[in-house]
Amino acid sequence: MSSETMIVVFDGVCNLCATSVRFIYAHDRAGKFRFVAAQSAAGEAIQRRVGIHAIEEGTVILVKGNRAYVKSRAALEIARHLDGAWKLFYVLRFLPLPVRDALYGYVARNRYKWFGEKETCMLPSASLRSRFIE
């Protein structure tokens, strides 16, 4: 894994999260992002290493080098590295963190109700599977 590689730890049974992974993949031509479900053995190991439990804290985790980003910081840091105009969302970092995280938390708390959940972790397509950490 290069120093440019970033790891997205996501809730593997969340439909919104799975859709987000596919979105990131589609807008990351350089292949900077790798993905791991929080519920997998590799996901659990990464969460232990960074000291954050994604499901309990209701967040995606972005691991970039030795730093771990959560909640709105993770989402904006991901947007910053996407192809095209999506990186413009990074300008939202100027909103106060409590406001950004409150909005993020509201969506995170309601993600299953609004978008549903799977009984098992998402099964990535063959092309996406190459970007998953097992």
Protein backbone atom coordinates (compact mmCIF):
# COMPACT_ATOMS: atom_id res chain seq x y z
CA MET A 1 0.00 0.00 0.00
CA SER A 2 1.48 3.35 -1.01
CA SER A 3 1.50 6.43 1.18
CA GLU A 4 -1.22 7.82 -1.09
CA THR A 5 -3.54 4.90 -0.29
CA MET A 6 -6.44 5.69 1.98
CA ILE A 7 -8.58 3.09 3.73
CA VAL A 8 -12.32 3.58 4.13
CA VAL A 9 -13.77 1.51 6.98
CA PHE A 10 -17.53 1.36 6.51
CA ASP A 11 -20.61 -0.40 7.88
CA GLY A 12 -20.89 -3.40 5.58
CA VAL A 13 -24.60 -4.01 6.17
CA CYS A 14 -25.70 -0.41 5.63
CA ASN A 15 -27.23 0.27 2.21
CA LEU A 16 -26.20 3.94 2.32
CA CYS A 17 -22.63 2.95 3.17
CA ALA A 18 -22.45 0.35 0.38
CA THR A 19 -23.75 2.91 -2.10
CA SER A 20 -21.15 5.37 -0.84
CA VAL A 21 -18.36 2.84 -1.39
CA ARG A 22 -19.51 2.28 -4.98
CA PHE A 23 -19.68 6.07 -5.46
CA ILE A 24 -16.14 6.59 -4.13
CA TYR A 25 -14.87 3.77 -6.34
CA ALA A 26 -16.51 5.30 -9.42
CA HIS A 27 -14.92 8.71 -8.72
CA ASP A 28 -11.42 7.49 -7.85
CA ARG A 29 -9.70 6.73 -11.15
CA ALA A 30 -6.26 6.86 -9.51
CA GLY A 31 -7.22 4.03 -7.15
CA LYS A 32 -6.18 5.85 -3.96
CA PHE A 33 -8.97 4.38 -1.86
CA ARG A 34 -9.17 0.87 -0.43
CA PHE A 35 -12.25 -0.40 1.38
CA VAL A 36 -12.95 -2.69 4.30
CA ALA A 37 -16.20 -3.55 6.06
CA ALA A 38 -16.09 -2.71 9.76
CA GLN A 39 -17.54 -6.14 10.52
CA SER A 40 -14.73 -8.06 8.76
CA ALA A 41 -11.62 -9.40 10.51
CA ALA A 42 -9.46 -6.87 8.65
CA GLY A 43 -11.91 -4.08 9.52
CA GLU A 44 -11.87 -5.04 13.20
CA ALA A 45 -8.05 -5.06 13.19
CA ILE A 46 -7.89 -1.57 11.66
CA GLN A 47 -10.45 -0.26 14.14
CA ARG A 48 -8.39 -1.66 17.04
CA ARG A 49 -5.24 -0.08 15.60
CA VAL A 50 -6.81 3.39 15.36
CA GLY A 51 -8.85 3.05 18.57
CA ILE A 52 -12.21 3.80 16.95
CA HIS A 53 -15.18 1.44 16.56
CA ALA A 54 -17.08 2.57 13.46
CA ILE A 55 -20.42 0.92 14.23
CA GLU A 56 -20.55 1.96 17.90
CA GLU A 57 -19.62 5.54 17.02
CA GLY A 58 -21.91 5.66 13.97
CA THR A 59 -19.20 6.77 11.60
CA VAL A 60 -17.16 5.96 8.59
CA ILE A 61 -13.42 5.91 9.29
CA LEU A 62 -10.85 7.16 6.81
CA VAL A 63 -7.30 6.03 7.57
CA LYS A 64 -4.74 8.13 5.75
CA GLY A 65 -1.17 7.39 6.74
CA ASN A 66 -1.05 7.49 10.54
CA ARG A 67 -4.20 9.63 10.85
CA ALA A 68 -7.76 8.50 11.27
CA TYR A 69 -10.64 10.78 10.30
CA VAL A 70 -14.23 10.24 11.44
CA LYS A 71 -17.68 11.67 10.81
CA SER A 72 -17.76 14.88 8.74
CA ARG A 73 -13.95 15.12 8.69
CA ALA A 74 -13.78 11.68 7.04
CA ALA A 75 -16.51 12.54 4.53
CA LEU A 76 -14.88 15.82 3.55
CA GLU A 77 -11.41 14.31 3.34
CA ILE A 78 -12.81 11.62 1.04
CA ALA A 79 -14.53 14.26 -1.12
CA ARG A 80 -11.25 16.18 -1.31
CA HIS A 81 -9.62 13.26 -3.12
CA LEU A 82 -12.43 12.37 -5.53
CA ASP A 83 -12.29 13.10 -9.24
CA GLY A 84 -14.19 16.00 -10.73
CA ALA A 85 -16.30 18.61 -9.02
CA TRP A 86 -16.95 16.42 -5.95
CA LYS A 87 -13.77 17.77 -4.38
CA LEU A 88 -15.50 21.16 -4.14
CA PHE A 89 -17.45 19.81 -1.15
CA TYR A 90 -14.19 20.14 0.79
CA VAL A 91 -15.00 23.86 1.13
CA LEU A 92 -17.61 22.79 3.74
CA ARG A 93 -14.71 22.26 6.16
CA PHE A 94 -15.11 25.95 7.00
CA LEU A 95 -18.45 25.24 8.67
CA PRO A 96 -18.02 24.76 12.43
CA LEU A 97 -17.20 21.14 13.28
CA PRO A 98 -20.08 20.77 15.78
CA VAL A 99 -22.55 21.80 13.05
CA ARG A 100 -21.03 19.44 10.46
CA ASP A 101 -20.89 16.53 12.90
CA ALA A 102 -24.45 17.15 14.11
CA LEU A 103 -25.72 16.87 10.54
CA TYR A 104 -23.53 13.81 9.91
CA GLY A 105 -24.78 12.21 13.14
CA TYR A 106 -28.41 12.81 12.20
CA VAL A 107 -27.97 10.97 8.91
CA ALA A 108 -25.88 8.21 10.56
CA ARG A 109 -28.50 7.57 13.26
CA ASN A 110 -31.26 7.26 10.65
CA ARG A 111 -29.34 5.44 7.90
CA TYR A 112 -31.00 2.05 8.47
CA LYS A 113 -34.48 3.56 8.71
CA TRP A 114 -34.08 5.68 5.57
CA PHE A 115 -31.89 3.43 3.39
CA GLY A 116 -32.28 -0.03 4.93
CA GLU A 117 -29.73 -2.65 5.86
CA LYS A 118 -28.62 -6.02 4.56
CA GLU A 119 -28.47 -9.23 6.56
CA THR A 120 -24.86 -9.75 5.51
CA CYS A 121 -22.02 -7.48 4.42
CA MET A 122 -22.12 -6.18 0.86
CA LEU A 123 -20.67 -8.36 -1.87
CA PRO A 124 -18.58 -6.14 -4.14
CA SER A 125 -18.45 -6.60 -7.89
CA ALA A 126 -15.36 -8.29 -9.33
CA SER A 127 -13.74 -4.96 -10.26
CA LEU A 128 -14.50 -3.40 -6.88
CA ARG A 129 -13.34 -6.52 -5.02
CA SER A 130 -9.74 -5.77 -6.04
CA ARG A 131 -9.91 -2.60 -3.93
CA PHE A 132 -11.12 -4.40 -0.81
CA ILE A 133 -8.85 -5.36 2.06
CA GLU A 134 -9.51 -8.93 3.15
